[in-house]
Amino acid sequence: MFRSRSKEEKAPTTKVTADLSKQPRDPEAPKGRPTPKRSEAQTQRRRASSAPADRKEANKRQREARRADLAKQREALAGGDERYLPARDKGPVRRFVRDFIDSRFCVAEFFLPLAVMILVLSMVRVAQLQNIALLLWLGVIVLIVVDSIGLTIRLKKQLKERFPNEPTRGAVAYGLMRSLQMRRLRLPKPQVKRGERP
């Protein structure tokens, strides 16, 4: 009864005190906020769960998110905001190519109005006008090819000078496709005037 305890008997008390220190707070202690009603707790839980209840709801949310993304992209294409542009238009290389093309006159951008004019001339039943329309077709095509070759050479040279360490793959084709569009219809909208240095 009054004898001293052995080392094995003293050890469990230290374990118990360590376990007691890890226990949560006293249930009687105030938690510092009122307990929410069950209906409030359930509505909060429903709001917190972002997973939709059924497939229709999931599709609806996906469509709304897609619409919002497309609206942001349209605004970016109209205003030139880099953050929301599509992947094909992003980056300093693509911005430089757009500015390079927009700062000069290209024969290819007048192809559509010229094609309509030549088509009208070819429908007239006068042999001389039809011959002129055929020659105009050939002349326009040759001018577009020559202008595109010169544009390609100048653009490649500028890209090598300005962006020696960045990948420029596809940039020249991107520029040529932009040069085929009429200036007013280009997206993203032109940010430089004709004759300005990009």
Protein backbone atom coordinates (compact mmCIF):
# COMPACT_ATOMS: atom_id res chain seq x y z
CA MET A 1 0.00 0.00 0.00
CA PHE A 2 2.75 2.51 0.88
CA ARG A 3 5.39 0.96 -1.29
CA SER A 4 7.03 2.89 -4.14
CA ARG A 5 5.79 2.29 -7.64
CA SER A 6 7.89 0.63 -10.29
CA LYS A 7 8.88 2.37 -13.53
CA GLU A 8 6.27 0.41 -15.57
CA GLU A 9 3.42 1.66 -13.38
CA LYS A 10 4.57 5.31 -13.62
CA ALA A 11 4.66 5.32 -17.45
CA PRO A 12 0.88 5.03 -18.15
CA THR A 13 0.09 8.22 -16.22
CA THR A 14 2.27 10.26 -18.56
CA LYS A 15 0.50 8.75 -21.58
CA VAL A 16 -2.90 9.59 -20.13
CA THR A 17 -1.95 13.22 -19.53
CA ALA A 18 -0.61 13.48 -23.10
CA ASP A 19 -3.89 12.04 -24.41
CA LEU A 20 -5.91 14.50 -22.30
CA SER A 21 -4.04 17.48 -23.77
CA LYS A 22 -5.11 16.40 -27.29
CA GLN A 23 -8.81 16.27 -26.37
CA PRO A 24 -11.13 18.87 -27.92
CA ARG A 25 -12.42 21.81 -25.92
CA ASP A 26 -14.78 21.39 -23.03
CA PRO A 27 -18.35 20.74 -24.23
CA GLU A 28 -19.67 23.11 -21.57
CA ALA A 29 -17.53 26.01 -22.76
CA PRO A 30 -19.29 28.60 -24.99
CA LYS A 31 -18.39 28.44 -28.67
CA GLY A 32 -18.77 32.15 -29.32
CA ARG A 33 -21.65 32.01 -31.86
CA PRO A 34 -25.28 30.94 -31.82
CA THR A 35 -26.21 27.50 -33.09
CA PRO A 36 -27.86 27.81 -36.52
CA LYS A 37 -31.33 26.41 -37.12
CA ARG A 38 -31.49 23.14 -38.98
CA SER A 39 -33.11 24.73 -42.05
CA GLU A 40 -30.34 27.39 -42.20
CA ALA A 41 -27.62 24.75 -41.87
CA GLN A 42 -29.19 22.67 -44.66
CA THR A 43 -29.45 25.63 -47.04
CA GLN A 44 -25.83 26.55 -46.33
CA ARG A 45 -24.79 22.98 -47.06
CA ARG A 46 -26.74 23.00 -50.34
CA ARG A 47 -25.13 26.26 -51.40
CA ALA A 48 -21.67 25.00 -50.48
CA SER A 49 -22.02 21.89 -52.61
CA SER A 50 -21.18 23.10 -56.11
CA ALA A 51 -21.95 19.75 -57.72
CA PRO A 52 -25.28 19.94 -59.59
CA ALA A 53 -28.11 17.64 -58.61
CA ASP A 54 -28.72 16.17 -62.07
CA ARG A 55 -27.33 16.08 -65.59
CA LYS A 56 -29.69 18.79 -66.90
CA GLU A 57 -28.47 21.21 -64.25
CA ALA A 58 -24.84 20.35 -65.05
CA ASN A 59 -25.42 20.98 -68.78
CA LYS A 60 -27.19 24.25 -68.03
CA ARG A 61 -24.30 25.47 -65.88
CA GLN A 62 -21.80 24.41 -68.55
CA ARG A 63 -23.72 26.32 -71.25
CA GLU A 64 -23.88 29.45 -69.08
CA ALA A 65 -20.13 29.26 -68.37
CA ARG A 66 -19.42 28.80 -72.10
CA ARG A 67 -21.63 31.79 -72.96
CA ALA A 68 -19.81 33.94 -70.40
CA ASP A 69 -16.42 32.87 -71.81
CA LEU A 70 -17.52 33.61 -75.38
CA ALA A 71 -18.85 37.02 -74.35
CA LYS A 72 -15.49 37.82 -72.74
CA GLN A 73 -13.70 36.65 -75.90
CA ARG A 74 -15.93 38.84 -78.12
CA GLU A 75 -15.20 41.88 -75.95
CA ALA A 76 -11.49 41.07 -76.02
CA LEU A 77 -11.53 40.67 -79.80
CA ALA A 78 -13.25 44.05 -80.15
CA GLY A 79 -11.03 45.85 -77.64
CA GLY A 80 -7.76 43.93 -77.87
CA ASP A 81 -7.68 42.79 -74.21
CA GLU A 82 -4.92 40.15 -74.11
CA ARG A 83 -6.29 38.26 -71.08
CA TYR A 84 -9.43 36.91 -72.77
CA LEU A 85 -8.24 36.47 -76.35
CA PRO A 86 -8.41 32.99 -77.89
CA ALA A 87 -5.18 30.96 -77.74
CA ARG A 88 -4.39 31.57 -81.43
CA ASP A 89 -4.32 35.37 -80.87
CA LYS A 90 -2.43 35.50 -77.56
CA GLY A 91 1.14 36.55 -76.98
CA PRO A 92 3.54 39.31 -78.00
CA VAL A 93 4.49 37.56 -81.27
CA ARG A 94 0.90 37.41 -82.50
CA ARG A 95 0.26 41.01 -81.39
CA PHE A 96 3.32 42.16 -83.37
CA VAL A 97 2.16 40.22 -86.45
CA ARG A 98 -1.30 41.83 -86.22
CA ASP A 99 0.22 45.31 -85.91
CA PHE A 100 2.67 44.61 -88.75
CA ILE A 101 -0.16 43.58 -91.11
CA ASP A 102 -2.55 46.34 -89.99
CA SER A 103 0.05 49.09 -90.50
CA ARG A 104 0.29 48.57 -94.29
CA PHE A 105 -1.84 48.21 -97.40
CA CYS A 106 -2.13 44.66 -98.71
CA VAL A 107 -3.46 43.74 -102.14
CA ALA A 108 -5.13 40.64 -100.70
CA GLU A 109 -7.50 42.65 -98.49
CA PHE A 110 -9.13 44.13 -101.61
CA PHE A 111 -9.67 40.70 -103.16
CA LEU A 112 -13.35 40.39 -102.20
CA PRO A 113 -14.54 43.72 -103.69
CA LEU A 114 -12.39 43.14 -106.79
CA ALA A 115 -13.80 39.62 -107.16
CA VAL A 116 -17.38 40.94 -107.09
CA MET A 117 -16.52 43.60 -109.68
CA ILE A 118 -14.82 41.06 -111.97
CA LEU A 119 -17.76 38.65 -111.59
CA VAL A 120 -20.20 41.36 -112.66
CA LEU A 121 -17.98 42.20 -115.68
CA SER A 122 -17.80 38.53 -116.70
CA MET A 123 -21.62 38.24 -116.70
CA VAL A 124 -22.07 41.03 -119.25
CA ARG A 125 -22.58 39.55 -122.72
CA VAL A 126 -19.94 41.67 -124.39
CA ALA A 127 -16.91 39.71 -125.55
CA GLN A 128 -14.42 42.51 -124.87
CA LEU A 129 -15.64 43.00 -121.27
CA GLN A 130 -15.42 39.25 -120.65
CA ASN A 131 -11.81 39.25 -121.92
CA ILE A 132 -11.00 42.23 -119.67
CA ALA A 133 -12.56 40.37 -116.69
CA LEU A 134 -10.39 37.33 -117.41
CA LEU A 135 -7.24 39.48 -117.58
CA LEU A 136 -8.25 41.25 -114.35
CA TRP A 137 -8.59 37.84 -112.62
CA LEU A 138 -5.08 36.88 -113.69
CA GLY A 139 -3.67 40.29 -112.74
CA VAL A 140 -5.28 40.27 -109.27
CA ILE A 141 -4.06 36.74 -108.53
CA VAL A 142 -0.48 37.57 -109.65
CA LEU A 143 -0.51 40.78 -107.54
CA ILE A 144 -1.75 38.90 -104.47
CA VAL A 145 0.91 36.19 -104.86
CA VAL A 146 3.74 38.72 -105.34
CA ASP A 147 2.52 40.88 -102.42
CA SER A 148 2.19 37.82 -100.18
CA ILE A 149 5.74 36.66 -100.99
CA GLY A 150 7.15 40.12 -100.20
CA LEU A 151 5.09 40.30 -97.00
CA THR A 152 6.32 36.86 -95.92
CA ILE A 153 9.98 37.81 -96.44
CA ARG A 154 9.65 41.11 -94.54
CA LEU A 155 7.64 39.55 -91.71
CA LYS A 156 10.13 36.68 -91.22
CA LYS A 157 12.98 39.18 -91.08
CA GLN A 158 11.20 41.35 -88.50
CA LEU A 159 10.29 38.33 -86.37
CA LYS A 160 13.92 37.14 -86.31
CA GLU A 161 15.10 40.60 -85.23
CA ARG A 162 12.44 41.24 -82.58
CA PHE A 163 11.85 37.75 -81.16
CA PRO A 164 15.08 35.76 -81.55
CA ASN A 165 14.44 33.50 -78.53
CA GLU A 166 10.67 33.02 -78.80
CA PRO A 167 8.87 30.41 -80.92
CA THR A 168 7.39 32.01 -84.03
CA ARG A 169 5.96 28.90 -85.62
CA GLY A 170 2.71 29.65 -87.45
CA ALA A 171 3.10 33.42 -87.08
CA VAL A 172 3.68 34.06 -90.80
CA ALA A 173 0.64 32.01 -91.82
CA TYR A 174 -1.37 33.88 -89.17
CA GLY A 175 -0.26 37.17 -90.74
CA LEU A 176 -1.09 36.05 -94.28
CA MET A 177 -4.57 34.94 -93.23
CA ARG A 178 -5.09 38.32 -91.55
CA SER A 179 -3.96 40.14 -94.70
CA LEU A 180 -6.71 38.35 -96.69
CA GLN A 181 -9.43 39.93 -94.51
CA MET A 182 -10.74 43.42 -95.09
CA ARG A 183 -9.43 45.81 -92.44
CA ARG A 184 -12.87 46.58 -91.00
CA LEU A 185 -13.69 42.88 -90.56
CA ARG A 186 -10.44 41.84 -88.85
CA LEU A 187 -10.63 40.39 -85.36
CA PRO A 188 -9.02 41.36 -83.00
CA LYS A 189 -9.68 44.90 -84.20
CA PRO A 190 -6.63 46.76 -85.60
CA GLN A 191 -4.80 48.74 -82.88
CA VAL A 192 -2.52 50.75 -85.20
CA LYS A 193 -3.22 53.12 -88.09
CA ARG A 194 -1.91 52.57 -91.57
CA GLY A 195 1.66 53.79 -91.93
CA GLU A 196 2.48 53.50 -88.19
CA ARG A 197 5.49 51.47 -87.14
CA PRO A 198 4.49 48.42 -85.04
